[in-house]
Amino acid sequence: MNARLITLTTDFGQEDWFVGVMKGVILTRIPGATIVDVSHGIPPGDVRSGAFALRAAYRYFPPGAVHVVVVDPGVGSSRRAIAAQAQDCFFVAPDNGVISPALAQAGTTSVRQITRTSLFLQPTSRTFHGRDVFAPVAAFLADGGAFDTLGPEIADYVRLPLPGPVRTEHGWEGEVEYCDRFGNAITNIPNEWIAGANGWQLELAGGSRYAIGGCYSDVGEGEVVGVPGSSGFLEIAVRNGNAARVLGLSVGSIVRVFAGGETVNRHGGD
């Protein structure tokens, strides 16, 4: 599994030099490597959103890819740096749960604490492990370095406590897991759980109900619709609008879906 391909998912944004410097470290170690930006727009310190973005993206890359995730509010503390080997890829990240949903899905074979400090940039900053720890370790793996030399195998890595949807009498109750830049609120309710039934309705806080359709254009301009999202989960959208802003949705907002019933609202402002 040596693809010399590294993906980056961070909360660094694009305004500063942080992402560019990480790439510089990788390219110094393995000139000619392929580096793909998954996202640098994760909200600062938002481990849950970073975890969702990684889980939605990693499986679309070829075997051997090394996925680096730096959403690290505990940088410089006693939190560990870890690497994981899955069936056909690697993950490198802080041990704060940000890679745990992807690990659960990817068929992880081993997780190791990164203690091989000879790989790190020296001196190692306590505020920029993306540059000094994670980038060089990712380069080592992408260049064919032996995973089992990174440090001791561990089983007690942090698992992000993500609530799952719960069954209700007529459907499911879940919550928003991620809001994208369009304002679409992506829930934790899998698309397949509401497939094959007619008349599914979406209910938000306050009792407002909306139809669940097949795509954004199933409703008129400014109207609310639930759609099976490309990430594999139901999302809430406003056609040509921002559902998160219009409906006051954020990560953790409660969402209910049920079969049948009268649609009370169509417009987000009603």
C-alpha atoms as a PDB file:
ATOM      1  CA  MET A   1       0.000   0.000   0.000  1.00  0.00           C
ATOM      2  CA  ASN A   2       2.325   2.738  -1.205  1.00  0.00           C
ATOM      3  CA  ALA A   3       0.398   5.342  -3.139  1.00  0.00           C
ATOM      4  CA  ARG A   4       2.483   8.384  -2.080  1.00  0.00           C
ATOM      5  CA  LEU A   5      -0.856  10.140  -1.658  1.00  0.00           C
ATOM      6  CA  ILE A   6      -1.693  12.187   1.423  1.00  0.00           C
ATOM      7  CA  THR A   7      -4.972  13.938   2.223  1.00  0.00           C
ATOM      8  CA  LEU A   8      -5.296  16.856   4.612  1.00  0.00           C
ATOM      9  CA  THR A   9      -8.331  17.771   6.695  1.00  0.00           C
ATOM     10  CA  THR A  10      -7.841  20.641   9.140  1.00  0.00           C
ATOM     11  CA  ASP A  11      -9.452  23.606  10.847  1.00  0.00           C
ATOM     12  CA  PHE A  12      -6.582  25.875   9.732  1.00  0.00           C
ATOM     13  CA  GLY A  13      -8.472  27.856   7.089  1.00  0.00           C
ATOM     14  CA  GLN A  14      -6.671  29.310   4.071  1.00  0.00           C
ATOM     15  CA  GLU A  15      -5.728  32.749   5.357  1.00  0.00           C
ATOM     16  CA  ASP A  16      -2.506  31.780   7.136  1.00  0.00           C
ATOM     17  CA  TRP A  17       0.610  29.793   6.256  1.00  0.00           C
ATOM     18  CA  PHE A  18      -0.229  26.648   8.246  1.00  0.00           C
ATOM     19  CA  VAL A  19      -1.541  24.440   5.434  1.00  0.00           C
ATOM     20  CA  GLY A  20       1.200  25.505   3.033  1.00  0.00           C
ATOM     21  CA  VAL A  21       3.911  24.738   5.572  1.00  0.00           C
ATOM     22  CA  MET A  22       2.514  21.245   6.203  1.00  0.00           C
ATOM     23  CA  LYS A  23       2.693  20.614   2.474  1.00  0.00           C
ATOM     24  CA  GLY A  24       6.234  21.926   2.388  1.00  0.00           C
ATOM     25  CA  VAL A  25       7.281  19.447   5.088  1.00  0.00           C
ATOM     26  CA  ILE A  26       5.683  16.553   3.207  1.00  0.00           C
ATOM     27  CA  LEU A  27       7.260  17.522  -0.121  1.00  0.00           C
ATOM     28  CA  THR A  28      10.671  17.928   1.501  1.00  0.00           C
ATOM     29  CA  ARG A  29      10.448  14.372   2.779  1.00  0.00           C
ATOM     30  CA  ILE A  30       8.961  12.858  -0.400  1.00  0.00           C
ATOM     31  CA  PRO A  31       9.301  15.121  -3.458  1.00  0.00           C
ATOM     32  CA  GLY A  32       6.592  14.405  -5.984  1.00  0.00           C
ATOM     33  CA  ALA A  33       4.022  13.266  -3.449  1.00  0.00           C
ATOM     34  CA  THR A  34       0.375  13.917  -4.242  1.00  0.00           C
ATOM     35  CA  ILE A  35      -1.356  16.034  -1.595  1.00  0.00           C
ATOM     36  CA  VAL A  36      -5.132  16.473  -1.658  1.00  0.00           C
ATOM     37  CA  ASP A  37      -6.973  19.057   0.425  1.00  0.00           C
ATOM     38  CA  VAL A  38     -10.177  17.495   1.707  1.00  0.00           C
ATOM     39  CA  SER A  39     -11.103  20.555   3.765  1.00  0.00           C
ATOM     40  CA  HIS A  40      -9.454  23.316   5.743  1.00  0.00           C
ATOM     41  CA  GLY A  41     -12.788  24.896   6.609  1.00  0.00           C
ATOM     42  CA  ILE A  42     -13.642  22.800   9.646  1.00  0.00           C
ATOM     43  CA  PRO A  43     -14.820  25.213  12.378  1.00  0.00           C
ATOM     44  CA  PRO A  44     -11.929  25.875  14.785  1.00  0.00           C
ATOM     45  CA  GLY A  45     -11.633  23.099  17.341  1.00  0.00           C
ATOM     46  CA  ASP A  46     -14.781  21.345  16.122  1.00  0.00           C
ATOM     47  CA  VAL A  47     -13.703  17.718  16.452  1.00  0.00           C
ATOM     48  CA  ARG A  48     -17.145  16.375  15.620  1.00  0.00           C
ATOM     49  CA  SER A  49     -17.348  18.233  12.301  1.00  0.00           C
ATOM     50  CA  GLY A  50     -13.821  17.149  11.429  1.00  0.00           C
ATOM     51  CA  ALA A  51     -14.748  13.553  12.141  1.00  0.00           C
ATOM     52  CA  PHE A  52     -17.815  13.794   9.921  1.00  0.00           C
ATOM     53  CA  ALA A  53     -15.857  15.300   7.020  1.00  0.00           C
ATOM     54  CA  LEU A  54     -13.205  12.597   7.209  1.00  0.00           C
ATOM     55  CA  ARG A  55     -15.715   9.766   7.367  1.00  0.00           C
ATOM     56  CA  ALA A  56     -17.573  11.205   4.373  1.00  0.00           C
ATOM     57  CA  ALA A  57     -14.404  11.566   2.279  1.00  0.00           C
ATOM     58  CA  TYR A  58     -11.714   8.966   2.976  1.00  0.00           C
ATOM     59  CA  ARG A  59     -13.276   6.011   1.149  1.00  0.00           C
ATOM     60  CA  TYR A  60     -13.162   7.803  -2.199  1.00  0.00           C
ATOM     61  CA  PHE A  61      -9.359   7.702  -2.351  1.00  0.00           C
ATOM     62  CA  PRO A  62      -7.215   4.912  -3.782  1.00  0.00           C
ATOM     63  CA  PRO A  63      -5.660   2.185  -1.634  1.00  0.00           C
ATOM     64  CA  GLY A  64      -2.585   3.270   0.277  1.00  0.00           C
ATOM     65  CA  ALA A  65      -3.700   6.840   0.888  1.00  0.00           C
ATOM     66  CA  VAL A  66      -2.591   8.448   4.159  1.00  0.00           C
ATOM     67  CA  HIS A  67      -5.297  10.633   5.701  1.00  0.00           C
ATOM     68  CA  VAL A  68      -4.030  13.373   8.009  1.00  0.00           C
ATOM     69  CA  VAL A  69      -6.560  15.120  10.247  1.00  0.00           C
ATOM     70  CA  VAL A  70      -5.541  18.092  12.370  1.00  0.00           C
ATOM     71  CA  VAL A  71      -8.445  19.424  14.409  1.00  0.00           C
ATOM     72  CA  ASP A  72      -6.547  19.636  17.638  1.00  0.00           C
ATOM     73  CA  PRO A  73      -7.785  21.875  20.463  1.00  0.00           C
ATOM     74  CA  GLY A  74      -5.544  19.915  22.860  1.00  0.00           C
ATOM     75  CA  VAL A  75      -2.292  20.497  20.964  1.00  0.00           C
ATOM     76  CA  GLY A  76       0.703  20.591  23.297  1.00  0.00           C
ATOM     77  CA  SER A  77      -1.146  18.873  26.134  1.00  0.00           C
ATOM     78  CA  SER A  78      -0.846  15.268  27.282  1.00  0.00           C
ATOM     79  CA  ARG A  79      -3.129  14.062  24.478  1.00  0.00           C
ATOM     80  CA  ARG A  80      -1.395  11.450  22.328  1.00  0.00           C
ATOM     81  CA  ALA A  81      -0.531  11.507  18.649  1.00  0.00           C
ATOM     82  CA  ILE A  82      -1.752   8.349  16.928  1.00  0.00           C
ATOM     83  CA  ALA A  83      -1.707   6.548  13.609  1.00  0.00           C
ATOM     84  CA  ALA A  84      -4.072   3.838  12.445  1.00  0.00           C
ATOM     85  CA  GLN A  85      -3.820   1.199   9.751  1.00  0.00           C
ATOM     86  CA  ALA A  86      -7.056   0.164   8.077  1.00  0.00           C
ATOM     87  CA  GLN A  87      -7.577  -2.492   5.439  1.00  0.00           C
ATOM     88  CA  ASP A  88      -6.411  -0.237   2.604  1.00  0.00           C
ATOM     89  CA  CYS A  89      -5.342   3.122   4.055  1.00  0.00           C
ATOM     90  CA  PHE A  90      -3.749   4.943   7.004  1.00  0.00           C
ATOM     91  CA  PHE A  91      -4.880   7.714   9.353  1.00  0.00           C
ATOM     92  CA  VAL A  92      -2.684  10.143  11.295  1.00  0.00           C
ATOM     93  CA  ALA A  93      -4.210  12.459  13.887  1.00  0.00           C
ATOM     94  CA  PRO A  94      -4.393  13.618  17.495  1.00  0.00           C
ATOM     95  CA  ASP A  95      -5.994  11.134  19.859  1.00  0.00           C
ATOM     96  CA  ASN A  96      -9.169  13.120  20.478  1.00  0.00           C
ATOM     97  CA  GLY A  97     -11.727  10.996  18.631  1.00  0.00           C
ATOM     98  CA  VAL A  98     -11.521  12.860  15.325  1.00  0.00           C
ATOM     99  CA  ILE A  99     -10.667   9.687  13.370  1.00  0.00           C
ATOM    100  CA  SER A 100     -12.742   7.223  15.411  1.00  0.00           C
ATOM    101  CA  PRO A 101     -15.911   7.251  13.227  1.00  0.00           C
ATOM    102  CA  ALA A 102     -13.775   6.594  10.141  1.00  0.00           C
ATOM    103  CA  LEU A 103     -11.902   3.827  11.966  1.00  0.00           C
ATOM    104  CA  ALA A 104     -15.170   2.148  12.898  1.00  0.00           C
ATOM    105  CA  GLN A 105     -16.191   2.181   9.242  1.00  0.00           C
ATOM    106  CA  ALA A 106     -12.869   1.411   7.582  1.00  0.00           C
ATOM    107  CA  GLY A 107     -12.069  -1.970   9.121  1.00  0.00           C
ATOM    108  CA  THR A 108      -9.133  -0.831  11.247  1.00  0.00           C
ATOM    109  CA  THR A 109      -6.465  -3.434  11.890  1.00  0.00           C
ATOM    110  CA  SER A 110      -4.141  -1.545  14.261  1.00  0.00           C
ATOM    111  CA  VAL A 111      -3.798   1.770  16.119  1.00  0.00           C
ATOM    112  CA  ARG A 112      -0.430   2.951  17.447  1.00  0.00           C
ATOM    113  CA  GLN A 113       0.702   5.798  19.621  1.00  0.00           C
ATOM    114  CA  ILE A 114       3.326   7.786  17.723  1.00  0.00           C
ATOM    115  CA  THR A 115       6.442   7.789  19.888  1.00  0.00           C
ATOM    116  CA  ARG A 116       9.139   7.628  17.220  1.00  0.00           C
ATOM    117  CA  THR A 117      10.336  11.173  17.768  1.00  0.00           C
ATOM    118  CA  SER A 118      13.200  10.817  15.304  1.00  0.00           C
ATOM    119  CA  LEU A 119      10.604  11.385  12.570  1.00  0.00           C
ATOM    120  CA  PHE A 120       9.510  14.734  13.998  1.00  0.00           C
ATOM    121  CA  LEU A 121      10.811  18.142  13.006  1.00  0.00           C
ATOM    122  CA  GLN A 122      13.192  19.519  15.609  1.00  0.00           C
ATOM    123  CA  PRO A 123      12.666  21.522  17.658  1.00  0.00           C
ATOM    124  CA  THR A 124       9.084  20.294  17.953  1.00  0.00           C
ATOM    125  CA  SER A 125       6.635  23.113  18.606  1.00  0.00           C
ATOM    126  CA  ARG A 126       3.962  22.553  21.237  1.00  0.00           C
ATOM    127  CA  THR A 127       1.520  24.639  19.187  1.00  0.00           C
ATOM    128  CA  PHE A 128       1.962  23.268  15.643  1.00  0.00           C
ATOM    129  CA  HIS A 129       1.969  19.478  15.640  1.00  0.00           C
ATOM    130  CA  GLY A 130       0.436  19.537  12.169  1.00  0.00           C
ATOM    131  CA  ARG A 131       3.802  20.703  10.846  1.00  0.00           C
ATOM    132  CA  ASP A 132       6.203  19.021  13.258  1.00  0.00           C
ATOM    133  CA  VAL A 133       4.548  15.680  14.026  1.00  0.00           C
ATOM    134  CA  PHE A 134       1.682  14.722  11.736  1.00  0.00           C
ATOM    135  CA  ALA A 135       3.096  15.905   8.396  1.00  0.00           C
ATOM    136  CA  PRO A 136       6.442  14.077   8.732  1.00  0.00           C
ATOM    137  CA  VAL A 137       4.779  10.909  10.038  1.00  0.00           C
ATOM    138  CA  ALA A 138       2.340  10.971   7.115  1.00  0.00           C
ATOM    139  CA  ALA A 139       5.251  11.391   4.702  1.00  0.00           C
ATOM    140  CA  PHE A 140       7.020   8.436   6.291  1.00  0.00           C
ATOM    141  CA  LEU A 141       3.983   6.199   5.787  1.00  0.00           C
ATOM    142  CA  ALA A 142       3.249   7.454   2.278  1.00  0.00           C
ATOM    143  CA  ASP A 143       6.849   6.684   1.312  1.00  0.00           C
ATOM    144  CA  GLY A 144       6.488   3.069   2.400  1.00  0.00           C
ATOM    145  CA  GLY A 145       7.723   3.385   5.992  1.00  0.00           C
ATOM    146  CA  ALA A 146       6.847   0.521   8.325  1.00  0.00           C
ATOM    147  CA  PHE A 147       3.712   1.307  10.299  1.00  0.00           C
ATOM    148  CA  ASP A 148       4.662  -0.957  13.202  1.00  0.00           C
ATOM    149  CA  THR A 149       7.794   1.116  13.901  1.00  0.00           C
ATOM    150  CA  LEU A 150       5.837   4.243  14.851  1.00  0.00           C
ATOM    151  CA  GLY A 151       5.273   3.216  18.455  1.00  0.00           C
ATOM    152  CA  PRO A 152       3.333   0.837  20.703  1.00  0.00           C
ATOM    153  CA  GLU A 153      -0.006  -0.583  19.678  1.00  0.00           C
ATOM    154  CA  ILE A 154      -2.908   0.751  21.735  1.00  0.00           C
ATOM    155  CA  ALA A 155      -6.538  -0.220  22.225  1.00  0.00           C
ATOM    156  CA  ASP A 156      -7.683   2.674  24.412  1.00  0.00           C
ATOM    157  CA  TYR A 157      -7.674   5.398  21.758  1.00  0.00           C
ATOM    158  CA  VAL A 158     -10.425   7.989  22.179  1.00  0.00           C
ATOM    159  CA  ARG A 159     -13.787   7.153  20.643  1.00  0.00           C
ATOM    160  CA  LEU A 160     -15.957  10.154  19.859  1.00  0.00           C
ATOM    161  CA  PRO A 161     -19.280   9.711  21.690  1.00  0.00           C
ATOM    162  CA  LEU A 162     -21.593  10.278  18.740  1.00  0.00           C
ATOM    163  CA  PRO A 163     -25.276   9.704  19.471  1.00  0.00           C
ATOM    164  CA  GLY A 164     -27.117   7.574  16.961  1.00  0.00           C
ATOM    165  CA  PRO A 165     -30.705   7.993  15.787  1.00  0.00           C
ATOM    166  CA  VAL A 166     -33.380   6.412  17.965  1.00  0.00           C
ATOM    167  CA  ARG A 167     -36.489   4.618  16.797  1.00  0.00           C
ATOM    168  CA  THR A 168     -39.790   6.314  17.490  1.00  0.00           C
ATOM    169  CA  GLU A 169     -43.323   5.012  17.059  1.00  0.00           C
ATOM    170  CA  HIS A 170     -43.619   6.356  13.510  1.00  0.00           C
ATOM    171  CA  GLY A 171     -40.042   6.959  12.396  1.00  0.00           C
ATOM    172  CA  TRP A 172     -36.703   8.196  13.743  1.00  0.00           C
ATOM    173  CA  GLU A 173     -35.281  10.928  15.928  1.00  0.00           C
ATOM    174  CA  GLY A 174     -31.768  12.083  15.144  1.00  0.00           C
ATOM    175  CA  GLU A 175     -29.736  15.247  15.121  1.00  0.00           C
ATOM    176  CA  VAL A 176     -27.646  17.485  12.912  1.00  0.00           C
ATOM    177  CA  GLU A 177     -24.033  16.313  12.638  1.00  0.00           C
ATOM    178  CA  TYR A 178     -22.578  18.801  10.167  1.00  0.00           C
ATOM    179  CA  CYS A 179     -23.486  22.050   8.401  1.00  0.00           C
ATOM    180  CA  ASP A 180     -21.789  22.599   5.059  1.00  0.00           C
ATOM    181  CA  ARG A 181     -20.860  25.947   3.508  1.00  0.00           C
ATOM    182  CA  PHE A 182     -24.176  26.070   1.634  1.00  0.00           C
ATOM    183  CA  GLY A 183     -26.037  25.891   4.922  1.00  0.00           C
ATOM    184  CA  ASN A 184     -27.295  22.364   4.347  1.00  0.00           C
ATOM    185  CA  ALA A 185     -27.724  20.649   7.721  1.00  0.00           C
ATOM    186  CA  ILE A 186     -26.599  17.028   7.460  1.00  0.00           C
ATOM    187  CA  THR A 187     -28.171  14.685  10.002  1.00  0.00           C
ATOM    188  CA  ASN A 188     -27.127  11.327  11.431  1.00  0.00           C
ATOM    189  CA  ILE A 189     -30.139   9.551   9.888  1.00  0.00           C
ATOM    190  CA  PRO A 190     -28.931   7.226   7.094  1.00  0.00           C
ATOM    191  CA  ASN A 191     -30.615   7.636   3.729  1.00  0.00           C
ATOM    192  CA  GLU A 192     -31.525   3.961   3.552  1.00  0.00           C
ATOM    193  CA  TRP A 193     -33.557   4.157   6.751  1.00  0.00           C
ATOM    194  CA  ILE A 194     -36.146   6.312   5.023  1.00  0.00           C
ATOM    195  CA  ALA A 195     -35.970   4.720   1.581  1.00  0.00           C
ATOM    196  CA  GLY A 196     -38.843   2.804   0.092  1.00  0.00           C
ATOM    197  CA  ALA A 197     -41.666   4.495   1.985  1.00  0.00           C
ATOM    198  CA  ASN A 198     -43.991   7.175   0.665  1.00  0.00           C
ATOM    199  CA  GLY A 199     -44.879  10.410   2.394  1.00  0.00           C
ATOM    200  CA  TRP A 200     -41.936  10.798   4.742  1.00  0.00           C
ATOM    201  CA  GLN A 201     -42.064  14.049   6.681  1.00  0.00           C
ATOM    202  CA  LEU A 202     -39.375  16.045   8.452  1.00  0.00           C
ATOM    203  CA  GLU A 203     -40.097  17.742  11.794  1.00  0.00           C
ATOM    204  CA  LEU A 204     -37.909  20.362  13.444  1.00  0.00           C
ATOM    205  CA  ALA A 205     -38.029  22.083  16.831  1.00  0.00           C
ATOM    206  CA  GLY A 206     -41.301  23.885  17.347  1.00  0.00           C
ATOM    207  CA  GLY A 207     -43.235  21.302  15.355  1.00  0.00           C
ATOM    208  CA  SER A 208     -42.665  22.698  11.868  1.00  0.00           C
ATOM    209  CA  ARG A 209     -42.942  19.959   9.259  1.00  0.00           C
ATOM    210  CA  TYR A 210     -41.528  19.733   5.774  1.00  0.00           C
ATOM    211  CA  ALA A 211     -41.573  17.231   2.940  1.00  0.00           C
ATOM    212  CA  ILE A 212     -38.715  14.869   2.177  1.00  0.00           C
ATOM    213  CA  GLY A 213     -37.967  14.817  -1.540  1.00  0.00           C
ATOM    214  CA  GLY A 214     -35.326  13.476  -3.856  1.00  0.00           C
ATOM    215  CA  CYS A 215     -33.292  16.619  -4.622  1.00  0.00           C
ATOM    216  CA  TYR A 216     -33.143  20.334  -3.844  1.00  0.00           C
ATOM    217  CA  SER A 217     -35.228  21.357  -6.844  1.00  0.00           C
ATOM    218  CA  ASP A 218     -38.207  19.286  -5.730  1.00  0.00           C
ATOM    219  CA  VAL A 219     -39.437  22.447  -3.974  1.00  0.00           C
ATOM    220  CA  GLY A 220     -39.729  26.080  -4.975  1.00  0.00           C
ATOM    221  CA  GLU A 221     -37.283  28.904  -4.371  1.00  0.00           C
ATOM    222  CA  GLY A 222     -36.755  29.498  -0.648  1.00  0.00           C
ATOM    223  CA  GLU A 223     -38.656  26.400   0.415  1.00  0.00           C
ATOM    224  CA  VAL A 224     -37.418  23.769   2.856  1.00  0.00           C
ATOM    225  CA  VAL A 225     -36.874  20.162   1.875  1.00  0.00           C
ATOM    226  CA  GLY A 226     -35.231  17.073   3.304  1.00  0.00           C
ATOM    227  CA  VAL A 227     -33.122  15.164   0.778  1.00  0.00           C
ATOM    228  CA  PRO A 228     -31.010  11.986   0.766  1.00  0.00           C
ATOM    229  CA  GLY A 229     -27.560  13.569   0.880  1.00  0.00           C
ATOM    230  CA  SER A 230     -24.453  12.542  -1.019  1.00  0.00           C
ATOM    231  CA  SER A 231     -22.710  11.789   2.292  1.00  0.00           C
ATOM    232  CA  GLY A 232     -25.169   8.946   2.862  1.00  0.00           C
ATOM    233  CA  PHE A 233     -27.317  10.815   5.378  1.00  0.00           C
ATOM    234  CA  LEU A 234     -30.522  12.834   5.283  1.00  0.00           C
ATOM    235  CA  GLU A 235     -29.877  16.546   4.964  1.00  0.00           C
ATOM    236  CA  ILE A 236     -32.081  19.571   5.407  1.00  0.00           C
ATOM    237  CA  ALA A 237     -31.890  22.240   2.743  1.00  0.00           C
ATOM    238  CA  VAL A 238     -33.506  25.463   1.611  1.00  0.00           C
ATOM    239  CA  ARG A 239     -33.576  25.721  -2.160  1.00  0.00           C
ATOM    240  CA  ASN A 240     -31.108  28.439  -3.144  1.00  0.00           C
ATOM    241  CA  GLY A 241     -30.878  29.435   0.507  1.00  0.00           C
ATOM    242  CA  ASN A 242     -29.119  28.623   3.756  1.00  0.00           C
ATOM    243  CA  ALA A 243     -31.072  26.148   5.877  1.00  0.00           C
ATOM    244  CA  ALA A 244     -28.814  26.411   8.912  1.00  0.00           C
ATOM    245  CA  ARG A 245     -29.303  30.171   9.084  1.00  0.00           C
ATOM    246  CA  VAL A 246     -32.969  30.292   8.074  1.00  0.00           C
ATOM    247  CA  LEU A 247     -34.046  27.482  10.389  1.00  0.00           C
ATOM    248  CA  GLY A 248     -31.600  28.139  13.220  1.00  0.00           C
ATOM    249  CA  LEU A 249     -29.939  24.728  12.861  1.00  0.00           C
ATOM    250  CA  SER A 250     -26.539  23.776  14.222  1.00  0.00           C
ATOM    251  CA  VAL A 251     -24.667  20.637  15.220  1.00  0.00           C
ATOM    252  CA  GLY A 252     -26.813  18.849  17.788  1.00  0.00           C
ATOM    253  CA  SER A 253     -30.173  20.249  16.644  1.00  0.00           C
ATOM    254  CA  ILE A 254     -32.910  17.626  16.994  1.00  0.00           C
ATOM    255  CA  VAL A 255     -34.549  16.304  13.819  1.00  0.00           C
ATOM    256  CA  ARG A 256     -37.467  13.871  13.560  1.00  0.00           C
ATOM    257  CA  VAL A 257     -38.693  11.990  10.526  1.00  0.00           C
ATOM    258  CA  PHE A 258     -41.888  10.000  10.241  1.00  0.00           C
ATOM    259  CA  ALA A 259     -44.057   8.448   7.584  1.00  0.00           C
ATOM    260  CA  GLY A 260     -47.278  10.189   6.683  1.00  0.00           C
ATOM    261  CA  GLY A 261     -48.843  13.266   8.211  1.00  0.00           C
ATOM    262  CA  GLU A 262     -49.644  16.736   6.993  1.00  0.00           C
ATOM    263  CA  THR A 263     -46.888  19.088   5.916  1.00  0.00           C
ATOM    264  CA  VAL A 264     -47.396  22.189   8.053  1.00  0.00           C
ATOM    265  CA  ASN A 265     -44.783  24.465   6.475  1.00  0.00           C
ATOM    266  CA  ARG A 266     -42.960  24.764   3.222  1.00  0.00           C
ATOM    267  CA  HIS A 267     -41.121  28.056   3.668  1.00  0.00           C
ATOM    268  CA  GLY A 268     -38.374  28.408   6.254  1.00  0.00           C
ATOM    269  CA  GLY A 269     -39.742  31.650   7.638  1.00  0.00           C
ATOM    270  CA  ASP A 270     -43.286  30.423   8.256  1.00  0.00           C
END
